[in-house]
Amino acid sequence: MGSLVFIVIIGTAAGFIATRMFNLDLGVPQTIAIGVLGALIGGGVLRLLLATLGIFSGLLGAILGAVVLIVLYQNFIENKK
């Protein structure tokens, strides 16, 4: 129930800002509807992007960790030989 209230509040604000950005003169119910539907669509897209980027962030982290290890190896282990 709390998340529904949150979506309505955020959606109302988003609808107000979006209708002002596009200079739309809509009533309060239409503005709220645009904002709430936009929040639902945007939330779904954002979750999909985060899930996709989460997979790639693991790969990026692994590559970064390997690079750090190679640099440390080259600077500290190879130089002692």
Protein backbone atom coordinates (compact mmCIF):
# COMPACT_ATOMS: atom_id res chain seq x y z
CA MET A 1 0.00 0.00 0.00
CA GLY A 2 2.86 2.34 0.82
CA SER A 3 4.47 1.88 -2.58
CA LEU A 4 1.18 2.73 -4.33
CA VAL A 5 0.99 6.01 -2.42
CA PHE A 6 4.63 6.68 -3.30
CA ILE A 7 3.96 6.01 -7.00
CA VAL A 8 0.98 8.37 -6.97
CA ILE A 9 2.95 11.15 -5.25
CA ILE A 10 5.98 10.79 -7.52
CA GLY A 11 3.74 10.32 -10.55
CA THR A 12 1.82 13.49 -9.76
CA ALA A 13 5.04 15.48 -9.52
CA ALA A 14 6.42 13.87 -12.69
CA GLY A 15 3.18 14.50 -14.57
CA PHE A 16 3.17 18.13 -13.50
CA ILE A 17 6.79 18.64 -14.59
CA ALA A 18 6.31 16.74 -17.88
CA THR A 19 3.15 18.62 -18.85
CA ARG A 20 4.89 21.92 -18.12
CA MET A 21 7.93 20.91 -20.19
CA PHE A 22 5.68 20.25 -23.19
CA ASN A 23 3.37 23.19 -22.49
CA LEU A 24 0.31 20.95 -22.19
CA ASP A 25 -2.74 22.46 -20.55
CA LEU A 26 -4.36 19.40 -18.97
CA GLY A 27 -6.58 18.94 -15.97
CA VAL A 28 -5.42 17.51 -12.68
CA PRO A 29 -6.70 13.94 -13.34
CA GLN A 30 -5.00 13.77 -16.74
CA THR A 31 -1.76 15.17 -15.31
CA ILE A 32 -1.80 12.61 -12.50
CA ALA A 33 -2.61 9.78 -14.96
CA ILE A 34 0.26 10.76 -17.25
CA GLY A 35 2.64 10.93 -14.32
CA VAL A 36 1.57 7.63 -12.73
CA LEU A 37 1.66 5.73 -16.03
CA GLY A 38 5.00 7.35 -16.83
CA ALA A 39 6.33 6.31 -13.42
CA LEU A 40 5.24 2.71 -14.03
CA ILE A 41 6.77 2.63 -17.52
CA GLY A 42 9.94 4.41 -16.42
CA GLY A 43 10.30 2.16 -13.39
CA GLY A 44 10.03 -0.95 -15.53
CA VAL A 45 12.56 0.33 -18.04
CA LEU A 46 14.93 1.37 -15.26
CA ARG A 47 14.70 -2.05 -13.59
CA LEU A 48 15.45 -3.73 -16.92
CA LEU A 49 18.46 -1.46 -17.50
CA LEU A 50 19.79 -2.01 -13.99
CA ALA A 51 19.44 -5.77 -14.35
CA THR A 52 21.28 -5.67 -17.67
CA LEU A 53 23.94 -3.30 -16.43
CA GLY A 54 24.29 -5.39 -13.28
CA ILE A 55 25.50 -8.30 -15.39
CA PHE A 56 27.95 -6.08 -17.27
CA SER A 57 29.13 -4.38 -14.10
CA GLY A 58 30.26 -7.75 -12.79
CA LEU A 59 32.28 -8.31 -15.96
CA LEU A 60 33.67 -4.78 -15.78
CA GLY A 61 34.63 -5.29 -12.13
CA ALA A 62 36.37 -8.56 -12.95
CA ILE A 63 38.36 -6.95 -15.77
CA LEU A 64 39.29 -4.00 -13.55
CA GLY A 65 40.42 -6.37 -10.79
CA ALA A 66 42.53 -8.36 -13.25
CA VAL A 67 44.16 -5.19 -14.55
CA VAL A 68 44.99 -4.07 -11.01
CA LEU A 69 46.55 -7.45 -10.27
CA ILE A 70 48.62 -7.35 -13.46
CA VAL A 71 49.87 -3.84 -12.66
CA LEU A 72 50.77 -4.88 -9.10
CA TYR A 73 52.50 -8.01 -10.39
CA GLN A 74 54.50 -6.05 -12.95
CA ASN A 75 55.53 -3.37 -10.45
CA PHE A 76 56.35 -5.50 -7.42
CA ILE A 77 57.05 -9.08 -8.49
CA GLU A 78 58.75 -8.67 -11.88
CA ASN A 79 60.93 -5.80 -10.69
CA LYS A 80 62.41 -7.99 -7.91
CA LYS A 81 63.72 -10.52 -10.42
